[in-house]
Amino acid sequence: MFSFINNQISYTIEIPAYPVNLFVDHYVYMEGESLTYGERLFPNNKAEMFFNLGGKVDGKSELCPAPALVSTMVSGVRHSWFDFFPPVDFCMIGLRFTLFGFHQLFKIPAAHFTDNNFPAEDVWGKEMRELHERLQEKSNCDEMFALLNDWIVARLTGSSLSEMIVWHKMEKMLSSPGVSVSQLLRSHMGYSHKHSIQLIRGQSGLGPKDIQKIIRFDSALKSISQRPVRNWSAFACAAGYADQSHFIRDFKVFTGYTPAEYLNRKPHEYHFHEMMPDQAMHR
């Protein structure tokens, strides 16, 4: 477990143990004071679920309407940025699934949630309302993390660990730089190219090439956040882009900014994926 503070909001992260970590990337608890500006979150290829324990949270997205987060929310994978505006009494807990973990747990086509946010009660009804109430009764984030973890463990009985291990390996392979999608599908899936793409899109919410685009962008973003870039053309090529224009175009689509605009706005902008454990305050 580790914690950090950014823009007056404190974040506490917990990584689950096996076998939950096959399905859940991490749990996160957030609390803090109201900001004079919103937070911008950039694309991710992992679905998320949040439980609001404070005041109403408003948000907006480039690609879809963002309903106010009053109690619970499930958020699908996103192709673009998302802004949210915390209230004075901001307090929220949630979890981010692994790439294929959401579908494997709930057996819902992940593509139905892509670039969309839904009140979790609309999907799971009474179960979500009761879980939200139980979270509000807990006195600290450790107890809340334990409750969420127990809820996930209870759902594992309906999931095949052997099948999830195969999909977890697929996620790692898609995250490897330089991997050919065609070669990966041919060697690992055992289905036709077209059917393999449809299967990955249904279980993750994105096609394999879109997944790799977001992973490449995320890696590039971490790099420019950690050290100065002196030659953008060389950086773009090293990051896996065809040229500098290609990198800037993708960056603008994913963030709403050019790389230079993004760097000029820091530290007022926050990208969750930038935070590495060695940059945080370990507990």
C-alpha atoms as a PDB file:
ATOM      1  CA  MET A   1       0.000   0.000   0.000  1.00  0.00           C
ATOM      2  CA  PHE A   2       1.290   3.501  -0.768  1.00  0.00           C
ATOM      3  CA  SER A   3       0.006   7.075  -0.617  1.00  0.00           C
ATOM      4  CA  PHE A   4       0.678  10.431  -2.234  1.00  0.00           C
ATOM      5  CA  ILE A   5      -0.849  13.916  -2.335  1.00  0.00           C
ATOM      6  CA  ASN A   6      -1.603  15.842  -5.521  1.00  0.00           C
ATOM      7  CA  ASN A   7      -3.586  19.082  -5.966  1.00  0.00           C
ATOM      8  CA  GLN A   8      -4.764  18.994  -2.324  1.00  0.00           C
ATOM      9  CA  ILE A   9      -6.184  15.494  -2.732  1.00  0.00           C
ATOM     10  CA  SER A  10      -4.618  12.511  -0.959  1.00  0.00           C
ATOM     11  CA  TYR A  11      -4.551   9.146  -2.725  1.00  0.00           C
ATOM     12  CA  THR A  12      -4.031   5.739  -1.127  1.00  0.00           C
ATOM     13  CA  ILE A  13      -3.409   2.752  -3.397  1.00  0.00           C
ATOM     14  CA  GLU A  14      -3.541  -0.944  -2.588  1.00  0.00           C
ATOM     15  CA  ILE A  15      -2.528  -3.731  -4.966  1.00  0.00           C
ATOM     16  CA  PRO A  16      -4.535  -6.926  -4.373  1.00  0.00           C
ATOM     17  CA  ALA A  17      -2.957 -10.336  -3.888  1.00  0.00           C
ATOM     18  CA  TYR A  18      -3.354 -13.390  -6.116  1.00  0.00           C
ATOM     19  CA  PRO A  19      -5.814 -14.419  -7.499  1.00  0.00           C
ATOM     20  CA  VAL A  20      -7.705 -11.120  -7.181  1.00  0.00           C
ATOM     21  CA  ASN A  21      -4.844  -9.310  -8.953  1.00  0.00           C
ATOM     22  CA  LEU A  22      -5.736 -11.187 -12.136  1.00  0.00           C
ATOM     23  CA  PHE A  23      -9.040  -9.291 -12.168  1.00  0.00           C
ATOM     24  CA  VAL A  24      -8.324  -6.057 -10.229  1.00  0.00           C
ATOM     25  CA  ASP A  25      -5.328  -3.836 -11.000  1.00  0.00           C
ATOM     26  CA  HIS A  26      -5.638  -1.817  -7.781  1.00  0.00           C
ATOM     27  CA  TYR A  27      -7.952  -0.222  -5.220  1.00  0.00           C
ATOM     28  CA  VAL A  28      -7.795   3.540  -4.613  1.00  0.00           C
ATOM     29  CA  TYR A  29      -9.089   5.837  -1.855  1.00  0.00           C
ATOM     30  CA  MET A  30      -9.217   9.622  -2.470  1.00  0.00           C
ATOM     31  CA  GLU A  31     -10.115  12.506  -0.179  1.00  0.00           C
ATOM     32  CA  GLY A  32      -9.341  16.209   0.045  1.00  0.00           C
ATOM     33  CA  GLU A  33     -10.463  19.808  -0.238  1.00  0.00           C
ATOM     34  CA  SER A  34     -12.205  21.493  -3.136  1.00  0.00           C
ATOM     35  CA  LEU A  35     -10.013  22.722  -5.995  1.00  0.00           C
ATOM     36  CA  THR A  36     -10.259  25.920  -7.972  1.00  0.00           C
ATOM     37  CA  TYR A  37      -9.877  23.831 -11.123  1.00  0.00           C
ATOM     38  CA  GLY A  38     -10.822  20.317 -12.198  1.00  0.00           C
ATOM     39  CA  GLU A  39      -8.686  17.231 -12.632  1.00  0.00           C
ATOM     40  CA  ARG A  40      -8.052  15.841 -16.114  1.00  0.00           C
ATOM     41  CA  LEU A  41      -7.710  12.087 -16.446  1.00  0.00           C
ATOM     42  CA  PHE A  42      -6.289  10.727 -19.671  1.00  0.00           C
ATOM     43  CA  PRO A  43      -7.309   7.568 -21.593  1.00  0.00           C
ATOM     44  CA  ASN A  44      -6.998   4.200 -19.972  1.00  0.00           C
ATOM     45  CA  ASN A  45      -7.671   0.718 -21.238  1.00  0.00           C
ATOM     46  CA  LYS A  46      -9.120  -0.539 -17.972  1.00  0.00           C
ATOM     47  CA  ALA A  47     -12.671  -0.238 -16.679  1.00  0.00           C
ATOM     48  CA  GLU A  48     -13.202   1.371 -13.265  1.00  0.00           C
ATOM     49  CA  MET A  49     -15.835   1.444 -10.527  1.00  0.00           C
ATOM     50  CA  PHE A  50     -16.210   4.224  -7.957  1.00  0.00           C
ATOM     51  CA  PHE A  51     -18.227   4.772  -4.794  1.00  0.00           C
ATOM     52  CA  ASN A  52     -18.787   8.393  -3.793  1.00  0.00           C
ATOM     53  CA  LEU A  53     -18.597   8.929  -0.024  1.00  0.00           C
ATOM     54  CA  GLY A  54     -18.751  12.737  -0.115  1.00  0.00           C
ATOM     55  CA  GLY A  55     -20.563  15.429  -2.090  1.00  0.00           C
ATOM     56  CA  LYS A  56     -21.704  15.197  -5.698  1.00  0.00           C
ATOM     57  CA  VAL A  57     -18.875  14.983  -8.251  1.00  0.00           C
ATOM     58  CA  ASP A  58     -19.387  16.584 -11.668  1.00  0.00           C
ATOM     59  CA  GLY A  59     -17.442  15.779 -14.795  1.00  0.00           C
ATOM     60  CA  LYS A  60     -17.234  16.118 -18.545  1.00  0.00           C
ATOM     61  CA  SER A  61     -15.743  14.085 -21.348  1.00  0.00           C
ATOM     62  CA  GLU A  62     -14.839  14.893 -24.938  1.00  0.00           C
ATOM     63  CA  LEU A  63     -16.587  11.776 -26.238  1.00  0.00           C
ATOM     64  CA  CYS A  64     -19.637  11.235 -24.034  1.00  0.00           C
ATOM     65  CA  PRO A  65     -21.880  12.912 -21.469  1.00  0.00           C
ATOM     66  CA  ALA A  66     -20.694  12.390 -17.915  1.00  0.00           C
ATOM     67  CA  PRO A  67     -23.517  12.060 -15.388  1.00  0.00           C
ATOM     68  CA  ALA A  68     -22.862  13.461 -11.923  1.00  0.00           C
ATOM     69  CA  LEU A  69     -21.410  10.890  -9.539  1.00  0.00           C
ATOM     70  CA  VAL A  70     -23.856  10.901  -6.643  1.00  0.00           C
ATOM     71  CA  SER A  71     -23.332   7.413  -5.190  1.00  0.00           C
ATOM     72  CA  THR A  72     -21.748   4.836  -7.519  1.00  0.00           C
ATOM     73  CA  MET A  73     -20.334   4.786 -11.036  1.00  0.00           C
ATOM     74  CA  VAL A  74     -18.910   2.242 -13.445  1.00  0.00           C
ATOM     75  CA  SER A  75     -16.640   3.724 -16.103  1.00  0.00           C
ATOM     76  CA  GLY A  76     -15.639   1.870 -19.244  1.00  0.00           C
ATOM     77  CA  VAL A  77     -12.344   2.154 -21.086  1.00  0.00           C
ATOM     78  CA  ARG A  78     -11.808   5.593 -22.646  1.00  0.00           C
ATOM     79  CA  HIS A  79     -10.319   6.755 -25.937  1.00  0.00           C
ATOM     80  CA  SER A  80      -9.932  10.327 -24.718  1.00  0.00           C
ATOM     81  CA  TRP A  81      -9.633  12.596 -21.694  1.00  0.00           C
ATOM     82  CA  PHE A  82     -12.133  13.030 -18.894  1.00  0.00           C
ATOM     83  CA  ASP A  83     -12.434  16.032 -16.529  1.00  0.00           C
ATOM     84  CA  PHE A  84     -13.937  15.806 -13.066  1.00  0.00           C
ATOM     85  CA  PHE A  85     -14.672  18.546 -10.540  1.00  0.00           C
ATOM     86  CA  PRO A  86     -14.481  17.534  -6.858  1.00  0.00           C
ATOM     87  CA  PRO A  87     -16.812  19.117  -4.264  1.00  0.00           C
ATOM     88  CA  VAL A  88     -15.643  20.635  -0.979  1.00  0.00           C
ATOM     89  CA  ASP A  89     -16.140  17.349   0.880  1.00  0.00           C
ATOM     90  CA  PHE A  90     -14.451  15.127  -1.691  1.00  0.00           C
ATOM     91  CA  CYS A  91     -14.176  11.479  -0.638  1.00  0.00           C
ATOM     92  CA  MET A  92     -14.252   8.500  -2.979  1.00  0.00           C
ATOM     93  CA  ILE A  93     -13.134   4.872  -3.099  1.00  0.00           C
ATOM     94  CA  GLY A  94     -12.904   2.674  -6.145  1.00  0.00           C
ATOM     95  CA  LEU A  95     -11.102   0.008  -8.099  1.00  0.00           C
ATOM     96  CA  ARG A  96      -9.541  -0.309 -11.503  1.00  0.00           C
ATOM     97  CA  PHE A  97      -9.928  -3.650 -13.219  1.00  0.00           C
ATOM     98  CA  THR A  98      -7.308  -5.383 -15.320  1.00  0.00           C
ATOM     99  CA  LEU A  99      -7.788  -5.252 -19.074  1.00  0.00           C
ATOM    100  CA  PHE A 100      -9.986  -8.371 -19.216  1.00  0.00           C
ATOM    101  CA  GLY A 101     -10.910  -8.579 -15.530  1.00  0.00           C
ATOM    102  CA  PHE A 102     -14.198  -6.653 -15.760  1.00  0.00           C
ATOM    103  CA  HIS A 103     -15.691  -9.019 -18.327  1.00  0.00           C
ATOM    104  CA  GLN A 104     -14.394 -12.149 -16.631  1.00  0.00           C
ATOM    105  CA  LEU A 105     -15.972 -11.126 -13.307  1.00  0.00           C
ATOM    106  CA  PHE A 106     -19.336  -9.876 -14.524  1.00  0.00           C
ATOM    107  CA  LYS A 107     -19.780 -11.604 -17.904  1.00  0.00           C
ATOM    108  CA  ILE A 108     -20.943  -8.303 -19.417  1.00  0.00           C
ATOM    109  CA  PRO A 109     -19.528  -7.328 -22.840  1.00  0.00           C
ATOM    110  CA  ALA A 110     -17.032  -4.614 -21.905  1.00  0.00           C
ATOM    111  CA  ALA A 111     -17.607  -2.918 -25.261  1.00  0.00           C
ATOM    112  CA  HIS A 112     -21.050  -1.817 -23.971  1.00  0.00           C
ATOM    113  CA  PHE A 113     -19.256   0.535 -21.541  1.00  0.00           C
ATOM    114  CA  THR A 114     -16.545   1.943 -23.825  1.00  0.00           C
ATOM    115  CA  ASP A 115     -16.317   5.752 -23.530  1.00  0.00           C
ATOM    116  CA  ASN A 116     -19.303   5.764 -21.190  1.00  0.00           C
ATOM    117  CA  ASN A 117     -20.113   6.151 -17.508  1.00  0.00           C
ATOM    118  CA  PHE A 118     -23.142   4.592 -15.818  1.00  0.00           C
ATOM    119  CA  PRO A 119     -24.536   4.631 -12.272  1.00  0.00           C
ATOM    120  CA  ALA A 120     -23.571   1.191 -10.981  1.00  0.00           C
ATOM    121  CA  GLU A 121     -27.057   0.815  -9.493  1.00  0.00           C
ATOM    122  CA  ASP A 122     -28.430   0.789 -13.043  1.00  0.00           C
ATOM    123  CA  VAL A 123     -26.326  -2.297 -13.741  1.00  0.00           C
ATOM    124  CA  TRP A 124     -26.337  -4.225 -10.440  1.00  0.00           C
ATOM    125  CA  GLY A 125     -29.224  -2.578  -8.555  1.00  0.00           C
ATOM    126  CA  LYS A 126     -29.669  -3.414  -4.855  1.00  0.00           C
ATOM    127  CA  GLU A 127     -26.252  -5.065  -4.595  1.00  0.00           C
ATOM    128  CA  MET A 128     -24.484  -1.758  -5.347  1.00  0.00           C
ATOM    129  CA  ARG A 129     -26.668   0.264  -2.973  1.00  0.00           C
ATOM    130  CA  GLU A 130     -25.930  -2.148  -0.142  1.00  0.00           C
ATOM    131  CA  LEU A 131     -22.192  -2.174  -0.878  1.00  0.00           C
ATOM    132  CA  HIS A 132     -22.162   1.631  -0.955  1.00  0.00           C
ATOM    133  CA  GLU A 133     -23.895   1.773   2.435  1.00  0.00           C
ATOM    134  CA  ARG A 134     -21.460  -0.736   3.958  1.00  0.00           C
ATOM    135  CA  LEU A 135     -18.486   1.316   2.702  1.00  0.00           C
ATOM    136  CA  GLN A 136     -19.909   4.418   4.370  1.00  0.00           C
ATOM    137  CA  GLU A 137     -20.029   2.548   7.679  1.00  0.00           C
ATOM    138  CA  LYS A 138     -16.283   1.785   7.637  1.00  0.00           C
ATOM    139  CA  SER A 139     -13.959   4.004   9.665  1.00  0.00           C
ATOM    140  CA  ASN A 140     -10.831   3.950   7.454  1.00  0.00           C
ATOM    141  CA  CYS A 141      -9.635   3.049   3.959  1.00  0.00           C
ATOM    142  CA  ASP A 142      -8.026  -0.215   5.121  1.00  0.00           C
ATOM    143  CA  GLU A 143     -11.441  -1.521   6.161  1.00  0.00           C
ATOM    144  CA  MET A 144     -12.948  -0.263   2.899  1.00  0.00           C
ATOM    145  CA  PHE A 145     -10.267  -1.988   0.812  1.00  0.00           C
ATOM    146  CA  ALA A 146     -10.902  -5.211   2.739  1.00  0.00           C
ATOM    147  CA  LEU A 147     -14.646  -4.943   2.061  1.00  0.00           C
ATOM    148  CA  LEU A 148     -14.140  -4.388  -1.668  1.00  0.00           C
ATOM    149  CA  ASN A 149     -11.649  -7.236  -1.814  1.00  0.00           C
ATOM    150  CA  ASP A 150     -14.090  -9.586  -0.059  1.00  0.00           C
ATOM    151  CA  TRP A 151     -16.771  -8.550  -2.553  1.00  0.00           C
ATOM    152  CA  ILE A 152     -14.481  -9.429  -5.472  1.00  0.00           C
ATOM    153  CA  VAL A 153     -13.415 -12.738  -3.870  1.00  0.00           C
ATOM    154  CA  ALA A 154     -17.064 -13.725  -3.505  1.00  0.00           C
ATOM    155  CA  ARG A 155     -17.499 -13.204  -7.257  1.00  0.00           C
ATOM    156  CA  LEU A 156     -14.514 -15.381  -8.187  1.00  0.00           C
ATOM    157  CA  THR A 157     -16.592 -18.524  -7.648  1.00  0.00           C
ATOM    158  CA  GLY A 158     -18.330 -17.819 -10.947  1.00  0.00           C
ATOM    159  CA  SER A 159     -15.093 -17.168 -12.848  1.00  0.00           C
ATOM    160  CA  SER A 160     -12.588 -19.584 -14.344  1.00  0.00           C
ATOM    161  CA  LEU A 161      -9.077 -18.902 -13.009  1.00  0.00           C
ATOM    162  CA  SER A 162      -7.483 -20.970 -15.740  1.00  0.00           C
ATOM    163  CA  GLU A 163      -9.273 -18.915 -18.402  1.00  0.00           C
ATOM    164  CA  MET A 164      -8.389 -15.646 -16.659  1.00  0.00           C
ATOM    165  CA  ILE A 165      -4.712 -16.641 -16.499  1.00  0.00           C
ATOM    166  CA  VAL A 166      -4.747 -17.024 -20.299  1.00  0.00           C
ATOM    167  CA  TRP A 167      -6.293 -13.559 -20.707  1.00  0.00           C
ATOM    168  CA  HIS A 168      -3.836 -12.093 -18.182  1.00  0.00           C
ATOM    169  CA  LYS A 169      -0.977 -13.397 -20.330  1.00  0.00           C
ATOM    170  CA  MET A 170      -2.632 -11.803 -23.363  1.00  0.00           C
ATOM    171  CA  GLU A 171      -2.720  -8.451 -21.527  1.00  0.00           C
ATOM    172  CA  LYS A 172       1.001  -8.691 -20.798  1.00  0.00           C
ATOM    173  CA  MET A 173       1.780  -9.559 -24.422  1.00  0.00           C
ATOM    174  CA  LEU A 174      -0.286  -6.633 -25.715  1.00  0.00           C
ATOM    175  CA  SER A 175       1.695  -4.391 -23.334  1.00  0.00           C
ATOM    176  CA  SER A 176       5.047  -5.531 -24.721  1.00  0.00           C
ATOM    177  CA  PRO A 177       6.605  -2.946 -27.085  1.00  0.00           C
ATOM    178  CA  GLY A 178       7.056  -3.960 -30.686  1.00  0.00           C
ATOM    179  CA  VAL A 179       4.656  -6.901 -30.582  1.00  0.00           C
ATOM    180  CA  SER A 180       2.836  -7.430 -33.885  1.00  0.00           C
ATOM    181  CA  VAL A 181      -0.912  -7.685 -33.347  1.00  0.00           C
ATOM    182  CA  SER A 182      -1.303 -10.052 -36.304  1.00  0.00           C
ATOM    183  CA  GLN A 183       1.456 -12.340 -35.067  1.00  0.00           C
ATOM    184  CA  LEU A 184       0.122 -12.253 -31.507  1.00  0.00           C
ATOM    185  CA  LEU A 185      -3.406 -13.167 -32.531  1.00  0.00           C
ATOM    186  CA  ARG A 186      -2.196 -15.911 -34.839  1.00  0.00           C
ATOM    187  CA  SER A 187       0.111 -17.551 -32.290  1.00  0.00           C
ATOM    188  CA  HIS A 188      -1.886 -17.095 -29.085  1.00  0.00           C
ATOM    189  CA  MET A 189      -5.602 -17.005 -29.860  1.00  0.00           C
ATOM    190  CA  GLY A 190      -6.031 -19.958 -32.222  1.00  0.00           C
ATOM    191  CA  TYR A 191      -8.937 -18.270 -34.011  1.00  0.00           C
ATOM    192  CA  SER A 192      -9.199 -16.335 -37.260  1.00  0.00           C
ATOM    193  CA  HIS A 193      -7.801 -12.804 -37.218  1.00  0.00           C
ATOM    194  CA  LYS A 194     -11.253 -11.234 -37.441  1.00  0.00           C
ATOM    195  CA  HIS A 195     -12.787 -13.400 -34.723  1.00  0.00           C
ATOM    196  CA  SER A 196      -9.806 -12.811 -32.411  1.00  0.00           C
ATOM    197  CA  ILE A 197     -10.207  -9.028 -32.727  1.00  0.00           C
ATOM    198  CA  GLN A 198     -13.946  -9.286 -32.019  1.00  0.00           C
ATOM    199  CA  LEU A 199     -13.259 -11.469 -28.984  1.00  0.00           C
ATOM    200  CA  ILE A 200     -10.693  -9.039 -27.534  1.00  0.00           C
ATOM    201  CA  ARG A 201     -12.972  -6.055 -28.173  1.00  0.00           C
ATOM    202  CA  GLY A 202     -15.910  -7.762 -26.486  1.00  0.00           C
ATOM    203  CA  GLN A 203     -13.887  -8.724 -23.406  1.00  0.00           C
ATOM    204  CA  SER A 204     -11.841  -5.528 -23.005  1.00  0.00           C
ATOM    205  CA  GLY A 205     -13.911  -2.815 -24.697  1.00  0.00           C
ATOM    206  CA  LEU A 206     -11.189  -1.987 -27.234  1.00  0.00           C
ATOM    207  CA  GLY A 207      -9.610  -3.611 -30.269  1.00  0.00           C
ATOM    208  CA  PRO A 208      -5.979  -4.770 -29.867  1.00  0.00           C
ATOM    209  CA  LYS A 209      -4.529  -1.899 -31.922  1.00  0.00           C
ATOM    210  CA  ASP A 210      -6.378   0.690 -29.801  1.00  0.00           C
ATOM    211  CA  ILE A 211      -5.091  -1.031 -26.659  1.00  0.00           C
ATOM    212  CA  GLN A 212      -1.536  -0.802 -27.943  1.00  0.00           C
ATOM    213  CA  LYS A 213      -2.007   2.865 -28.906  1.00  0.00           C
ATOM    214  CA  ILE A 214      -3.060   3.766 -25.362  1.00  0.00           C
ATOM    215  CA  ILE A 215      -0.217   1.723 -23.837  1.00  0.00           C
ATOM    216  CA  ARG A 216       2.280   3.465 -26.144  1.00  0.00           C
ATOM    217  CA  PHE A 217       0.844   6.875 -25.241  1.00  0.00           C
ATOM    218  CA  ASP A 218       0.930   6.069 -21.530  1.00  0.00           C
ATOM    219  CA  SER A 219       4.585   5.040 -21.738  1.00  0.00           C
ATOM    220  CA  ALA A 220       5.478   8.219 -23.660  1.00  0.00           C
ATOM    221  CA  LEU A 221       3.613  10.363 -21.128  1.00  0.00           C
ATOM    222  CA  LYS A 222       5.536   8.852 -18.236  1.00  0.00           C
ATOM    223  CA  SER A 223       8.809   9.536 -20.053  1.00  0.00           C
ATOM    224  CA  ILE A 224       8.158  13.214 -20.743  1.00  0.00           C
ATOM    225  CA  SER A 225       6.927  13.679 -17.168  1.00  0.00           C
ATOM    226  CA  GLN A 226      10.086  12.208 -15.657  1.00  0.00           C
ATOM    227  CA  ARG A 227      12.792  13.908 -17.708  1.00  0.00           C
ATOM    228  CA  PRO A 228      13.179  16.864 -20.135  1.00  0.00           C
ATOM    229  CA  VAL A 229      12.872  16.132 -23.853  1.00  0.00           C
ATOM    230  CA  ARG A 230      15.563  17.883 -25.897  1.00  0.00           C
ATOM    231  CA  ASN A 231      14.773  16.400 -29.309  1.00  0.00           C
ATOM    232  CA  TRP A 232      11.071  15.724 -29.916  1.00  0.00           C
ATOM    233  CA  SER A 233      11.666  13.996 -33.237  1.00  0.00           C
ATOM    234  CA  ALA A 234      14.115  11.492 -31.735  1.00  0.00           C
ATOM    235  CA  PHE A 235      11.845  11.009 -28.727  1.00  0.00           C
ATOM    236  CA  ALA A 236       8.808  10.253 -30.918  1.00  0.00           C
ATOM    237  CA  CYS A 237      10.693   7.611 -32.901  1.00  0.00           C
ATOM    238  CA  ALA A 238      12.110   6.014 -29.732  1.00  0.00           C
ATOM    239  CA  ALA A 239       8.583   5.912 -28.268  1.00  0.00           C
ATOM    240  CA  GLY A 240       7.324   3.902 -31.252  1.00  0.00           C
ATOM    241  CA  TYR A 241       5.729   6.651 -33.376  1.00  0.00           C
ATOM    242  CA  ALA A 242       6.300   7.062 -37.101  1.00  0.00           C
ATOM    243  CA  ASP A 243       7.476  10.652 -36.626  1.00  0.00           C
ATOM    244  CA  GLN A 244       7.034  13.757 -34.476  1.00  0.00           C
ATOM    245  CA  SER A 245       3.760  14.746 -36.179  1.00  0.00           C
ATOM    246  CA  HIS A 246       2.300  11.320 -35.467  1.00  0.00           C
ATOM    247  CA  PHE A 247       3.214  11.632 -31.776  1.00  0.00           C
ATOM    248  CA  ILE A 248       1.778  15.153 -31.431  1.00  0.00           C
ATOM    249  CA  ARG A 249      -1.427  14.163 -33.222  1.00  0.00           C
ATOM    250  CA  ASP A 250      -2.038  11.171 -30.949  1.00  0.00           C
ATOM    251  CA  PHE A 251      -1.103  13.189 -27.857  1.00  0.00           C
ATOM    252  CA  LYS A 252      -3.618  15.920 -28.756  1.00  0.00           C
ATOM    253  CA  VAL A 253      -6.395  13.357 -29.318  1.00  0.00           C
ATOM    254  CA  PHE A 254      -5.734  11.616 -26.014  1.00  0.00           C
ATOM    255  CA  THR A 255      -5.218  14.678 -23.794  1.00  0.00           C
ATOM    256  CA  GLY A 256      -6.671  17.751 -25.515  1.00  0.00           C
ATOM    257  CA  TYR A 257      -3.183  19.333 -25.414  1.00  0.00           C
ATOM    258  CA  THR A 258       0.011  19.330 -27.429  1.00  0.00           C
ATOM    259  CA  PRO A 259       3.000  17.938 -25.469  1.00  0.00           C
ATOM    260  CA  ALA A 260       4.300  21.488 -24.931  1.00  0.00           C
ATOM    261  CA  GLU A 261       0.907  22.698 -23.649  1.00  0.00           C
ATOM    262  CA  TYR A 262       0.701  19.737 -21.288  1.00  0.00           C
ATOM    263  CA  LEU A 263       4.152  20.409 -19.814  1.00  0.00           C
ATOM    264  CA  ASN A 264       3.341  24.117 -19.386  1.00  0.00           C
ATOM    265  CA  ARG A 265       0.215  23.247 -17.386  1.00  0.00           C
ATOM    266  CA  LYS A 266       1.932  20.882 -14.973  1.00  0.00           C
ATOM    267  CA  PRO A 267       1.680  20.509 -12.014  1.00  0.00           C
ATOM    268  CA  HIS A 268      -1.916  21.751 -12.273  1.00  0.00           C
ATOM    269  CA  GLU A 269      -2.811  18.790 -14.457  1.00  0.00           C
ATOM    270  CA  TYR A 270      -2.742  15.304 -13.061  1.00  0.00           C
ATOM    271  CA  HIS A 271      -2.456  11.988 -14.823  1.00  0.00           C
ATOM    272  CA  PHE A 272      -2.969   9.010 -12.533  1.00  0.00           C
ATOM    273  CA  HIS A 273      -0.663   6.721 -14.550  1.00  0.00           C
ATOM    274  CA  GLU A 274       2.291   9.043 -13.912  1.00  0.00           C
ATOM    275  CA  MET A 275       2.463   8.174 -10.227  1.00  0.00           C
ATOM    276  CA  MET A 276       5.005   5.425  -9.633  1.00  0.00           C
ATOM    277  CA  PRO A 277       5.431   3.700  -6.265  1.00  0.00           C
ATOM    278  CA  ASP A 278       8.930   5.163  -5.757  1.00  0.00           C
ATOM    279  CA  GLN A 279       7.480   8.661  -6.155  1.00  0.00           C
ATOM    280  CA  ALA A 280       4.886   8.089  -3.457  1.00  0.00           C
ATOM    281  CA  MET A 281       5.026   8.002   0.318  1.00  0.00           C
ATOM    282  CA  HIS A 282       5.085   4.304   1.186  1.00  0.00           C
ATOM    283  CA  ARG A 283       3.121   3.226   4.206  1.00  0.00           C
END
